[in-house]
Amino acid sequence: MPRDLHPRLLRGFVATAESLHFGRAAGRLHVAQQALSRDIRTLEGLLGDALFTRTTRSVELTPAGQRLLPRARRLLALHDEILAGAAARPLLLDLNSDVTGPDLTADRVLERARAAWPEGELLARFHGGLAAAAAELLAHRLDVSFGRFAGLPAPLRDQLAQRPVRLERISVMMADTHPLADRPVLRVAELTGHPVDVCAGNPATTEWADLGVRLLREHGLTPAAPYVPPVGVDETARYLARHGDPMLTTVGGPRIPGVVNVPLVEPVPLSLVSLVHRPGERHPGLAALGAAAAGLGAAEGWLRRPAGSWLPAADAALLG
């Protein structure tokens, strides 16, 4: 049967060997002396040798302890080097799109986290949607993403962790020549007779298309045909002018020449954006992102649900 040697046991041994005093070694390690003595006995049992000779007046290393000490120091140094390297590696996070906007959640969280953690490296990636990013997360090619967690299939949700970040207001964007383009806001019912593009043709954003289909179905509206999605500002402007259908988006999205972004009301549809990562991830960059999201959310009421809003039950359940 394989035997595992926990670094804690070696750390207790080295501290005791250097101080030759169990009480001082325990104080240095911030553990109880009884716990340290138990760890030393466990280590001696694993190695099959006594490491110290103990009397009422002194503690001395045995020959086996003297042989072990330099090797234990090297192994602990390597252990600490591995951990330091893991913490120092860049954190890869998905912003969904390289197009910026006046109030994009992921962009703002990243900006604050970088300011709060200048010694670290947060590298942005652009996978286009949480559905695409989820596969990259599970393959360890990505560390963090943002998006609508409730829209992922259950088998994916079961393998990932999330923390709610923001309730984003949903809007529609359309070419400025569209008959509805001159409205400051649009009642959801005013979209009747106007098919709405929910990006159903984009396999990277199936979680977003699911939200759109739910919204349209519940309010008697029609989804547009699933076209091949555009990429980038210029292509999006051409796409909207060519197809003519309002496209579901969020209020803080990109400003595009020739395109308007009109908030929806009565009800106010919402999308819950979560910070998504692998369970057990302990990178300091993830902690910086979590703190940044929490700070922005508290200051601006990101998780406060407005009166007269619409949110799918599956999303609302994630809010607790």
C-alpha atoms as a PDB file:
ATOM      1  CA  MET A   1       0.000   0.000   0.000  1.00  0.00           C
ATOM      2  CA  PRO A   2       1.455   3.430  -0.927  1.00  0.00           C
ATOM      3  CA  ARG A   3       2.363   5.733   1.951  1.00  0.00           C
ATOM      4  CA  ASP A   4       1.785   9.474   1.658  1.00  0.00           C
ATOM      5  CA  LEU A   5       4.087  11.930   3.400  1.00  0.00           C
ATOM      6  CA  HIS A   6       2.278  15.179   4.221  1.00  0.00           C
ATOM      7  CA  PRO A   7       4.468  18.316   4.089  1.00  0.00           C
ATOM      8  CA  ARG A   8       3.083  19.282   7.522  1.00  0.00           C
ATOM      9  CA  LEU A   9       4.937  16.355   9.086  1.00  0.00           C
ATOM     10  CA  LEU A  10       8.240  17.441   7.553  1.00  0.00           C
ATOM     11  CA  ARG A  11       7.624  21.061   8.529  1.00  0.00           C
ATOM     12  CA  GLY A  12       7.121  20.010  12.160  1.00  0.00           C
ATOM     13  CA  PHE A  13      10.246  17.879  12.043  1.00  0.00           C
ATOM     14  CA  VAL A  14      12.410  20.687  10.607  1.00  0.00           C
ATOM     15  CA  ALA A  15      11.143  23.232  13.137  1.00  0.00           C
ATOM     16  CA  THR A  16      11.856  20.837  16.016  1.00  0.00           C
ATOM     17  CA  ALA A  17      15.270  19.886  14.615  1.00  0.00           C
ATOM     18  CA  GLU A  18      16.267  23.546  14.309  1.00  0.00           C
ATOM     19  CA  SER A  19      15.080  24.571  17.779  1.00  0.00           C
ATOM     20  CA  LEU A  20      15.657  21.240  19.579  1.00  0.00           C
ATOM     21  CA  HIS A  21      12.693  22.180  21.737  1.00  0.00           C
ATOM     22  CA  PHE A  22       9.128  20.962  21.184  1.00  0.00           C
ATOM     23  CA  GLY A  23       7.526  23.948  22.890  1.00  0.00           C
ATOM     24  CA  ARG A  24       9.439  26.538  20.854  1.00  0.00           C
ATOM     25  CA  ALA A  25       8.873  24.595  17.630  1.00  0.00           C
ATOM     26  CA  ALA A  26       5.144  24.409  18.312  1.00  0.00           C
ATOM     27  CA  GLY A  27       5.040  28.163  18.943  1.00  0.00           C
ATOM     28  CA  ARG A  28       6.894  28.836  15.707  1.00  0.00           C
ATOM     29  CA  LEU A  29       4.372  26.734  13.789  1.00  0.00           C
ATOM     30  CA  HIS A  30       1.363  28.131  15.692  1.00  0.00           C
ATOM     31  CA  VAL A  31       0.195  24.655  16.711  1.00  0.00           C
ATOM     32  CA  ALA A  32      -0.333  22.941  20.052  1.00  0.00           C
ATOM     33  CA  GLN A  33       2.688  21.082  21.401  1.00  0.00           C
ATOM     34  CA  GLN A  34       0.601  17.928  21.701  1.00  0.00           C
ATOM     35  CA  ALA A  35      -0.285  18.129  17.980  1.00  0.00           C
ATOM     36  CA  LEU A  36       3.375  18.607  17.046  1.00  0.00           C
ATOM     37  CA  SER A  37       4.435  15.617  19.163  1.00  0.00           C
ATOM     38  CA  ARG A  38       1.752  13.525  17.468  1.00  0.00           C
ATOM     39  CA  ASP A  39       3.015  14.560  14.016  1.00  0.00           C
ATOM     40  CA  ILE A  40       6.597  13.639  14.931  1.00  0.00           C
ATOM     41  CA  ARG A  41       5.446  10.199  16.104  1.00  0.00           C
ATOM     42  CA  THR A  42       3.508   9.753  12.867  1.00  0.00           C
ATOM     43  CA  LEU A  43       6.578  10.678  10.811  1.00  0.00           C
ATOM     44  CA  GLU A  44       8.756   8.307  12.802  1.00  0.00           C
ATOM     45  CA  GLY A  45       6.217   5.551  12.216  1.00  0.00           C
ATOM     46  CA  LEU A  46       6.177   6.199   8.460  1.00  0.00           C
ATOM     47  CA  LEU A  47       9.974   6.157   8.236  1.00  0.00           C
ATOM     48  CA  GLY A  48      10.506   3.323  10.701  1.00  0.00           C
ATOM     49  CA  ASP A  49      13.167   5.266  12.629  1.00  0.00           C
ATOM     50  CA  ALA A  50      13.358   7.410  15.750  1.00  0.00           C
ATOM     51  CA  LEU A  51      14.285  10.956  14.764  1.00  0.00           C
ATOM     52  CA  PHE A  52      14.906  12.459  18.202  1.00  0.00           C
ATOM     53  CA  THR A  53      16.222  11.304  21.550  1.00  0.00           C
ATOM     54  CA  ARG A  54      14.241  12.940  24.316  1.00  0.00           C
ATOM     55  CA  THR A  55      15.142  13.392  27.929  1.00  0.00           C
ATOM     56  CA  THR A  56      13.623  15.610  30.605  1.00  0.00           C
ATOM     57  CA  ARG A  57      16.409  18.120  29.939  1.00  0.00           C
ATOM     58  CA  SER A  58      17.116  17.969  26.185  1.00  0.00           C
ATOM     59  CA  VAL A  59      16.066  16.985  22.687  1.00  0.00           C
ATOM     60  CA  GLU A  60      18.692  15.718  20.241  1.00  0.00           C
ATOM     61  CA  LEU A  61      18.623  14.444  16.687  1.00  0.00           C
ATOM     62  CA  THR A  62      19.314  10.767  16.140  1.00  0.00           C
ATOM     63  CA  PRO A  63      21.546   9.717  13.217  1.00  0.00           C
ATOM     64  CA  ALA A  64      18.359   9.069  11.207  1.00  0.00           C
ATOM     65  CA  GLY A  65      17.148  12.573  12.063  1.00  0.00           C
ATOM     66  CA  GLN A  66      20.476  14.077  10.998  1.00  0.00           C
ATOM     67  CA  ARG A  67      20.260  12.284   7.643  1.00  0.00           C
ATOM     68  CA  LEU A  68      16.661  13.382   7.121  1.00  0.00           C
ATOM     69  CA  LEU A  69      17.107  17.090   7.936  1.00  0.00           C
ATOM     70  CA  PRO A  70      18.838  18.323   4.740  1.00  0.00           C
ATOM     71  CA  ARG A  71      16.515  16.243   2.539  1.00  0.00           C
ATOM     72  CA  ALA A  72      13.438  17.517   4.373  1.00  0.00           C
ATOM     73  CA  ARG A  73      14.615  21.096   3.882  1.00  0.00           C
ATOM     74  CA  ARG A  74      15.077  20.509   0.135  1.00  0.00           C
ATOM     75  CA  LEU A  75      11.673  18.869  -0.209  1.00  0.00           C
ATOM     76  CA  LEU A  76       9.917  21.678   1.666  1.00  0.00           C
ATOM     77  CA  ALA A  77      11.700  24.282  -0.438  1.00  0.00           C
ATOM     78  CA  LEU A  78      10.510  22.503  -3.599  1.00  0.00           C
ATOM     79  CA  HIS A  79       6.989  22.250  -2.163  1.00  0.00           C
ATOM     80  CA  ASP A  80       6.916  25.990  -1.437  1.00  0.00           C
ATOM     81  CA  GLU A  81       8.362  26.782  -4.872  1.00  0.00           C
ATOM     82  CA  ILE A  82       5.601  24.766  -6.572  1.00  0.00           C
ATOM     83  CA  LEU A  83       2.912  26.545  -4.587  1.00  0.00           C
ATOM     84  CA  ALA A  84       4.435  29.955  -5.258  1.00  0.00           C
ATOM     85  CA  GLY A  85       4.593  29.178  -8.975  1.00  0.00           C
ATOM     86  CA  ALA A  86       0.955  28.103  -9.061  1.00  0.00           C
ATOM     87  CA  ALA A  87      -0.132  31.282  -7.312  1.00  0.00           C
ATOM     88  CA  ALA A  88       1.991  33.449  -9.590  1.00  0.00           C
ATOM     89  CA  ARG A  89       0.765  32.002 -12.891  1.00  0.00           C
ATOM     90  CA  PRO A  90      -1.567  34.241 -14.911  1.00  0.00           C
ATOM     91  CA  LEU A  91      -5.291  33.795 -14.358  1.00  0.00           C
ATOM     92  CA  LEU A  92      -7.124  33.361 -17.667  1.00  0.00           C
ATOM     93  CA  LEU A  93     -10.602  34.846 -17.732  1.00  0.00           C
ATOM     94  CA  ASP A  94     -13.217  35.103 -20.441  1.00  0.00           C
ATOM     95  CA  LEU A  95     -14.817  38.488 -21.188  1.00  0.00           C
ATOM     96  CA  ASN A  96     -17.091  36.945 -23.855  1.00  0.00           C
ATOM     97  CA  SER A  97     -16.275  39.672 -26.399  1.00  0.00           C
ATOM     98  CA  ASP A  98     -13.365  41.950 -27.213  1.00  0.00           C
ATOM     99  CA  VAL A  99     -15.894  44.724 -27.943  1.00  0.00           C
ATOM    100  CA  THR A 100     -16.073  47.211 -25.073  1.00  0.00           C
ATOM    101  CA  GLY A 101     -19.113  49.095 -23.835  1.00  0.00           C
ATOM    102  CA  PRO A 102     -20.009  51.816 -21.331  1.00  0.00           C
ATOM    103  CA  ASP A 103     -21.065  49.421 -18.572  1.00  0.00           C
ATOM    104  CA  LEU A 104     -20.054  45.843 -19.325  1.00  0.00           C
ATOM    105  CA  THR A 105     -19.942  43.817 -16.116  1.00  0.00           C
ATOM    106  CA  ALA A 106     -16.911  41.645 -16.837  1.00  0.00           C
ATOM    107  CA  ASP A 107     -14.865  44.613 -18.079  1.00  0.00           C
ATOM    108  CA  ARG A 108     -15.581  46.646 -14.971  1.00  0.00           C
ATOM    109  CA  VAL A 109     -14.825  43.765 -12.590  1.00  0.00           C
ATOM    110  CA  LEU A 110     -11.551  43.079 -14.387  1.00  0.00           C
ATOM    111  CA  GLU A 111     -10.523  46.746 -14.268  1.00  0.00           C
ATOM    112  CA  ARG A 112     -11.100  46.959 -10.502  1.00  0.00           C
ATOM    113  CA  ALA A 113      -9.409  43.614  -9.805  1.00  0.00           C
ATOM    114  CA  ARG A 114      -6.290  44.625 -11.745  1.00  0.00           C
ATOM    115  CA  ALA A 115      -6.079  47.854  -9.753  1.00  0.00           C
ATOM    116  CA  ALA A 116      -6.428  45.967  -6.466  1.00  0.00           C
ATOM    117  CA  TRP A 117      -3.940  43.205  -7.407  1.00  0.00           C
ATOM    118  CA  PRO A 118      -1.210  44.961  -9.420  1.00  0.00           C
ATOM    119  CA  GLU A 119       1.419  42.341  -8.603  1.00  0.00           C
ATOM    120  CA  GLY A 120      -0.606  39.613 -10.325  1.00  0.00           C
ATOM    121  CA  GLU A 121      -1.545  38.971 -13.936  1.00  0.00           C
ATOM    122  CA  LEU A 122      -5.139  38.683 -15.163  1.00  0.00           C
ATOM    123  CA  LEU A 123      -5.257  37.782 -18.859  1.00  0.00           C
ATOM    124  CA  ALA A 124      -8.471  38.307 -20.802  1.00  0.00           C
ATOM    125  CA  ARG A 125      -9.765  35.810 -23.354  1.00  0.00           C
ATOM    126  CA  PHE A 126     -12.799  36.115 -25.626  1.00  0.00           C
ATOM    127  CA  HIS A 127     -14.748  32.896 -26.106  1.00  0.00           C
ATOM    128  CA  GLY A 128     -18.005  34.562 -27.094  1.00  0.00           C
ATOM    129  CA  GLY A 129     -20.290  33.112 -24.460  1.00  0.00           C
ATOM    130  CA  LEU A 130     -20.489  30.989 -21.335  1.00  0.00           C
ATOM    131  CA  ALA A 131     -21.493  27.849 -23.234  1.00  0.00           C
ATOM    132  CA  ALA A 132     -18.181  27.952 -25.107  1.00  0.00           C
ATOM    133  CA  ALA A 133     -16.214  29.018 -22.045  1.00  0.00           C
ATOM    134  CA  ALA A 134     -17.594  26.186 -19.892  1.00  0.00           C
ATOM    135  CA  ALA A 135     -15.862  23.576 -22.032  1.00  0.00           C
ATOM    136  CA  GLU A 136     -12.607  25.528 -21.772  1.00  0.00           C
ATOM    137  CA  LEU A 137     -12.972  25.752 -17.993  1.00  0.00           C
ATOM    138  CA  LEU A 138     -13.402  22.000 -17.642  1.00  0.00           C
ATOM    139  CA  ALA A 139     -10.405  21.402 -19.919  1.00  0.00           C
ATOM    140  CA  HIS A 140      -8.271  23.746 -17.736  1.00  0.00           C
ATOM    141  CA  ARG A 141      -7.628  26.036 -20.705  1.00  0.00           C
ATOM    142  CA  LEU A 142      -9.518  28.834 -18.934  1.00  0.00           C
ATOM    143  CA  ASP A 143      -9.907  29.714 -15.256  1.00  0.00           C
ATOM    144  CA  VAL A 144     -12.860  32.107 -14.996  1.00  0.00           C
ATOM    145  CA  SER A 145     -15.782  33.215 -17.110  1.00  0.00           C
ATOM    146  CA  PHE A 146     -18.843  35.432 -16.764  1.00  0.00           C
ATOM    147  CA  GLY A 147     -22.352  34.664 -17.935  1.00  0.00           C
ATOM    148  CA  ARG A 148     -25.773  33.182 -17.330  1.00  0.00           C
ATOM    149  CA  PHE A 149     -25.011  30.067 -15.289  1.00  0.00           C
ATOM    150  CA  ALA A 150     -28.644  28.867 -15.086  1.00  0.00           C
ATOM    151  CA  GLY A 151     -28.688  28.534 -18.883  1.00  0.00           C
ATOM    152  CA  LEU A 152     -25.991  25.848 -18.951  1.00  0.00           C
ATOM    153  CA  PRO A 153     -27.017  22.172 -19.163  1.00  0.00           C
ATOM    154  CA  ALA A 154     -27.243  20.490 -15.749  1.00  0.00           C
ATOM    155  CA  PRO A 155     -24.206  18.186 -16.347  1.00  0.00           C
ATOM    156  CA  LEU A 156     -22.033  21.279 -16.892  1.00  0.00           C
ATOM    157  CA  ARG A 157     -23.463  23.144 -13.900  1.00  0.00           C
ATOM    158  CA  ASP A 158     -22.717  20.139 -11.699  1.00  0.00           C
ATOM    159  CA  GLN A 159     -19.008  20.402 -12.543  1.00  0.00           C
ATOM    160  CA  LEU A 160     -18.639  24.157 -12.058  1.00  0.00           C
ATOM    161  CA  ALA A 161     -18.979  26.718  -9.276  1.00  0.00           C
ATOM    162  CA  GLN A 162     -20.576  30.151  -9.539  1.00  0.00           C
ATOM    163  CA  ARG A 163     -21.223  33.287  -7.539  1.00  0.00           C
ATOM    164  CA  PRO A 164     -23.933  35.773  -8.608  1.00  0.00           C
ATOM    165  CA  VAL A 165     -22.470  39.130  -9.647  1.00  0.00           C
ATOM    166  CA  ARG A 166     -25.095  41.303 -11.301  1.00  0.00           C
ATOM    167  CA  LEU A 167     -28.649  41.530 -12.538  1.00  0.00           C
ATOM    168  CA  GLU A 168     -28.256  43.150 -15.949  1.00  0.00           C
ATOM    169  CA  ARG A 169     -31.146  44.923 -17.690  1.00  0.00           C
ATOM    170  CA  ILE A 170     -32.053  43.494 -21.080  1.00  0.00           C
ATOM    171  CA  SER A 171     -32.521  45.706 -24.131  1.00  0.00           C
ATOM    172  CA  VAL A 172     -32.712  45.360 -27.897  1.00  0.00           C
ATOM    173  CA  MET A 173     -30.318  46.833 -30.393  1.00  0.00           C
ATOM    174  CA  MET A 174     -31.328  47.570 -33.957  1.00  0.00           C
ATOM    175  CA  ALA A 175     -30.314  49.625 -36.964  1.00  0.00           C
ATOM    176  CA  ASP A 176     -31.235  53.282 -36.482  1.00  0.00           C
ATOM    177  CA  THR A 177     -33.518  52.998 -39.518  1.00  0.00           C
ATOM    178  CA  HIS A 178     -35.784  50.448 -37.809  1.00  0.00           C
ATOM    179  CA  PRO A 179     -39.385  51.653 -37.160  1.00  0.00           C
ATOM    180  CA  LEU A 180     -38.898  51.224 -33.385  1.00  0.00           C
ATOM    181  CA  ALA A 181     -35.485  52.889 -33.237  1.00  0.00           C
ATOM    182  CA  ASP A 182     -36.735  56.306 -32.128  1.00  0.00           C
ATOM    183  CA  ARG A 183     -38.183  55.101 -28.796  1.00  0.00           C
ATOM    184  CA  PRO A 184     -36.343  55.956 -25.541  1.00  0.00           C
ATOM    185  CA  VAL A 185     -37.639  52.660 -24.086  1.00  0.00           C
ATOM    186  CA  LEU A 186     -39.742  49.833 -25.481  1.00  0.00           C
ATOM    187  CA  ARG A 187     -42.544  48.035 -23.741  1.00  0.00           C
ATOM    188  CA  VAL A 188     -42.056  44.323 -24.269  1.00  0.00           C
ATOM    189  CA  ALA A 189     -45.506  44.132 -25.911  1.00  0.00           C
ATOM    190  CA  GLU A 190     -44.408  46.663 -28.551  1.00  0.00           C
ATOM    191  CA  LEU A 191     -42.180  43.972 -30.064  1.00  0.00           C
ATOM    192  CA  THR A 192     -45.275  42.113 -31.213  1.00  0.00           C
ATOM    193  CA  GLY A 193     -45.005  41.601 -34.952  1.00  0.00           C
ATOM    194  CA  HIS A 194     -41.246  42.175 -34.899  1.00  0.00           C
ATOM    195  CA  PRO A 195     -39.241  38.924 -34.740  1.00  0.00           C
ATOM    196  CA  VAL A 196     -36.451  39.244 -32.166  1.00  0.00           C
ATOM    197  CA  ASP A 197     -32.948  37.862 -32.754  1.00  0.00           C
ATOM    198  CA  VAL A 198     -31.855  35.894 -29.663  1.00  0.00           C
ATOM    199  CA  CYS A 199     -28.564  34.726 -31.253  1.00  0.00           C
ATOM    200  CA  ALA A 200     -29.972  31.220 -31.651  1.00  0.00           C
ATOM    201  CA  GLY A 201     -27.496  30.581 -34.461  1.00  0.00           C
ATOM    202  CA  ASN A 202     -24.505  30.968 -32.148  1.00  0.00           C
ATOM    203  CA  PRO A 203     -23.426  27.688 -30.438  1.00  0.00           C
ATOM    204  CA  ALA A 204     -21.146  29.654 -28.098  1.00  0.00           C
ATOM    205  CA  THR A 205     -24.081  31.474 -26.466  1.00  0.00           C
ATOM    206  CA  THR A 206     -26.774  28.841 -26.016  1.00  0.00           C
ATOM    207  CA  GLU A 207     -27.308  30.012 -22.425  1.00  0.00           C
ATOM    208  CA  TRP A 208     -28.242  33.468 -23.748  1.00  0.00           C
ATOM    209  CA  ALA A 209     -30.499  32.082 -26.481  1.00  0.00           C
ATOM    210  CA  ASP A 210     -32.307  30.045 -23.812  1.00  0.00           C
ATOM    211  CA  LEU A 211     -33.007  33.238 -21.867  1.00  0.00           C
ATOM    212  CA  GLY A 212     -34.298  34.975 -24.988  1.00  0.00           C
ATOM    213  CA  VAL A 213     -36.576  32.125 -25.975  1.00  0.00           C
ATOM    214  CA  ARG A 214     -38.042  32.029 -22.453  1.00  0.00           C
ATOM    215  CA  LEU A 215     -38.691  35.775 -22.490  1.00  0.00           C
ATOM    216  CA  LEU A 216     -40.329  35.751 -25.924  1.00  0.00           C
ATOM    217  CA  ARG A 217     -42.425  32.663 -25.234  1.00  0.00           C
ATOM    218  CA  GLU A 218     -43.799  34.018 -21.960  1.00  0.00           C
ATOM    219  CA  HIS A 219     -44.835  37.293 -23.638  1.00  0.00           C
ATOM    220  CA  GLY A 220     -46.207  35.908 -26.893  1.00  0.00           C
ATOM    221  CA  LEU A 221     -43.381  37.190 -29.076  1.00  0.00           C
ATOM    222  CA  THR A 222     -41.628  35.577 -32.026  1.00  0.00           C
ATOM    223  CA  PRO A 223     -37.939  34.662 -32.295  1.00  0.00           C
ATOM    224  CA  ALA A 224     -36.141  35.523 -35.511  1.00  0.00           C
ATOM    225  CA  ALA A 225     -34.560  32.889 -37.736  1.00  0.00           C
ATOM    226  CA  PRO A 226     -31.215  31.618 -36.370  1.00  0.00           C
ATOM    227  CA  TYR A 227     -28.662  33.421 -38.527  1.00  0.00           C
ATOM    228  CA  VAL A 228     -24.893  32.955 -38.418  1.00  0.00           C
ATOM    229  CA  PRO A 229     -23.798  35.519 -35.790  1.00  0.00           C
ATOM    230  CA  PRO A 230     -21.616  38.540 -36.554  1.00  0.00           C
ATOM    231  CA  VAL A 231     -18.271  39.226 -34.862  1.00  0.00           C
ATOM    232  CA  GLY A 232     -17.089  42.747 -34.034  1.00  0.00           C
ATOM    233  CA  VAL A 233     -18.602  46.209 -34.193  1.00  0.00           C
ATOM    234  CA  ASP A 234     -18.557  46.732 -37.968  1.00  0.00           C
ATOM    235  CA  GLU A 235     -19.955  43.277 -38.743  1.00  0.00           C
ATOM    236  CA  THR A 236     -22.707  43.704 -36.145  1.00  0.00           C
ATOM    237  CA  ALA A 237     -23.769  47.011 -37.743  1.00  0.00           C
ATOM    238  CA  ARG A 238     -23.910  45.380 -41.189  1.00  0.00           C
ATOM    239  CA  TYR A 239     -25.751  42.357 -39.798  1.00  0.00           C
ATOM    240  CA  LEU A 240     -28.462  44.445 -38.141  1.00  0.00           C
ATOM    241  CA  ALA A 241     -28.929  46.595 -41.239  1.00  0.00           C
ATOM    242  CA  ARG A 242     -29.150  43.537 -43.488  1.00  0.00           C
ATOM    243  CA  HIS A 243     -31.505  41.364 -41.430  1.00  0.00           C
ATOM    244  CA  GLY A 244     -33.543  44.147 -39.851  1.00  0.00           C
ATOM    245  CA  ASP A 245     -34.515  42.236 -36.687  1.00  0.00           C
ATOM    246  CA  PRO A 246     -34.002  43.750 -33.219  1.00  0.00           C
ATOM    247  CA  MET A 247     -31.327  41.779 -31.376  1.00  0.00           C
ATOM    248  CA  LEU A 248     -31.587  40.970 -27.673  1.00  0.00           C
ATOM    249  CA  THR A 249     -28.677  42.431 -25.702  1.00  0.00           C
ATOM    250  CA  THR A 250     -28.012  44.311 -22.441  1.00  0.00           C
ATOM    251  CA  VAL A 251     -28.225  47.989 -21.601  1.00  0.00           C
ATOM    252  CA  GLY A 252     -24.493  48.404 -20.985  1.00  0.00           C
ATOM    253  CA  GLY A 253     -23.447  46.897 -24.297  1.00  0.00           C
ATOM    254  CA  PRO A 254     -21.216  48.400 -26.973  1.00  0.00           C
ATOM    255  CA  ARG A 255     -21.976  51.650 -28.783  1.00  0.00           C
ATOM    256  CA  ILE A 256     -22.106  50.872 -32.493  1.00  0.00           C
ATOM    257  CA  PRO A 257     -22.352  53.518 -35.242  1.00  0.00           C
ATOM    258  CA  GLY A 258     -25.717  53.319 -36.995  1.00  0.00           C
ATOM    259  CA  VAL A 259     -27.178  51.174 -34.191  1.00  0.00           C
ATOM    260  CA  VAL A 260     -29.377  52.098 -31.206  1.00  0.00           C
ATOM    261  CA  ASN A 261     -29.726  50.246 -27.899  1.00  0.00           C
ATOM    262  CA  VAL A 262     -33.234  50.555 -26.407  1.00  0.00           C
ATOM    263  CA  PRO A 263     -34.065  49.288 -22.873  1.00  0.00           C
ATOM    264  CA  LEU A 264     -37.089  47.025 -22.439  1.00  0.00           C
ATOM    265  CA  VAL A 265     -39.775  47.786 -19.829  1.00  0.00           C
ATOM    266  CA  GLU A 266     -43.142  46.482 -18.635  1.00  0.00           C
ATOM    267  CA  PRO A 267     -41.712  44.211 -17.427  1.00  0.00           C
ATOM    268  CA  VAL A 268     -38.013  44.987 -17.072  1.00  0.00           C
ATOM    269  CA  PRO A 269     -36.314  41.752 -18.237  1.00  0.00           C
ATOM    270  CA  LEU A 270     -33.158  40.814 -16.353  1.00  0.00           C
ATOM    271  CA  SER A 271     -30.212  38.496 -16.898  1.00  0.00           C
ATOM    272  CA  LEU A 272     -28.242  37.185 -13.920  1.00  0.00           C
ATOM    273  CA  VAL A 273     -24.513  37.329 -14.623  1.00  0.00           C
ATOM    274  CA  SER A 274     -22.358  35.020 -12.508  1.00  0.00           C
ATOM    275  CA  LEU A 275     -18.635  34.595 -11.978  1.00  0.00           C
ATOM    276  CA  VAL A 276     -18.020  30.969 -13.013  1.00  0.00           C
ATOM    277  CA  HIS A 277     -14.977  28.815 -12.232  1.00  0.00           C
ATOM    278  CA  ARG A 278     -13.912  25.292 -11.324  1.00  0.00           C
ATOM    279  CA  PRO A 279     -14.745  24.153  -7.769  1.00  0.00           C
ATOM    280  CA  GLY A 280     -11.814  24.422  -5.382  1.00  0.00           C
ATOM    281  CA  GLU A 281      -9.944  27.041  -7.444  1.00  0.00           C
ATOM    282  CA  ARG A 282      -7.768  29.022  -5.009  1.00  0.00           C
ATOM    283  CA  HIS A 283      -5.812  31.363  -7.282  1.00  0.00           C
ATOM    284  CA  PRO A 284      -5.345  34.828  -5.722  1.00  0.00           C
ATOM    285  CA  GLY A 285      -6.573  36.337  -8.979  1.00  0.00           C
ATOM    286  CA  LEU A 286      -9.945  34.674  -8.454  1.00  0.00           C
ATOM    287  CA  ALA A 287     -10.076  36.181  -4.968  1.00  0.00           C
ATOM    288  CA  ALA A 288      -9.303  39.607  -6.477  1.00  0.00           C
ATOM    289  CA  LEU A 289     -12.097  39.222  -9.030  1.00  0.00           C
ATOM    290  CA  GLY A 290     -14.546  38.095  -6.354  1.00  0.00           C
ATOM    291  CA  ALA A 291     -13.678  41.048  -4.137  1.00  0.00           C
ATOM    292  CA  ALA A 292     -13.978  43.470  -7.064  1.00  0.00           C
ATOM    293  CA  ALA A 293     -17.394  42.097  -8.026  1.00  0.00           C
ATOM    294  CA  ALA A 294     -18.611  42.251  -4.428  1.00  0.00           C
ATOM    295  CA  GLY A 295     -17.370  45.836  -4.026  1.00  0.00           C
ATOM    296  CA  LEU A 296     -19.001  47.075  -7.208  1.00  0.00           C
ATOM    297  CA  GLY A 297     -22.176  45.171  -6.432  1.00  0.00           C
ATOM    298  CA  ALA A 298     -22.481  46.663  -2.953  1.00  0.00           C
ATOM    299  CA  ALA A 299     -21.770  50.193  -4.169  1.00  0.00           C
ATOM    300  CA  GLU A 300     -24.148  50.104  -7.138  1.00  0.00           C
ATOM    301  CA  GLY A 301     -26.819  47.607  -6.082  1.00  0.00           C
ATOM    302  CA  TRP A 302     -25.926  45.078  -8.737  1.00  0.00           C
ATOM    303  CA  LEU A 303     -27.977  42.293  -7.174  1.00  0.00           C
ATOM    304  CA  ARG A 304     -30.947  44.428  -6.177  1.00  0.00           C
ATOM    305  CA  ARG A 305     -33.948  43.341  -8.218  1.00  0.00           C
ATOM    306  CA  PRO A 306     -36.114  46.265  -9.392  1.00  0.00           C
ATOM    307  CA  ALA A 307     -39.881  46.260  -9.024  1.00  0.00           C
ATOM    308  CA  GLY A 308     -41.790  45.027 -12.055  1.00  0.00           C
ATOM    309  CA  SER A 309     -38.919  42.932 -13.363  1.00  0.00           C
ATOM    310  CA  TRP A 310     -38.819  39.565 -15.117  1.00  0.00           C
ATOM    311  CA  LEU A 311     -36.286  36.850 -14.297  1.00  0.00           C
ATOM    312  CA  PRO A 312     -36.555  33.108 -14.950  1.00  0.00           C
ATOM    313  CA  ALA A 313     -37.160  31.014 -11.820  1.00  0.00           C
ATOM    314  CA  ALA A 314     -33.925  29.063 -12.365  1.00  0.00           C
ATOM    315  CA  ASP A 315     -31.936  32.292 -12.267  1.00  0.00           C
ATOM    316  CA  ALA A 316     -33.824  33.661  -9.266  1.00  0.00           C
ATOM    317  CA  ALA A 317     -33.037  30.448  -7.349  1.00  0.00           C
ATOM    318  CA  LEU A 318     -29.299  31.206  -7.622  1.00  0.00           C
ATOM    319  CA  LEU A 319     -29.810  34.432  -5.694  1.00  0.00           C
ATOM    320  CA  GLY A 320     -30.855  32.468  -2.583  1.00  0.00           C
END
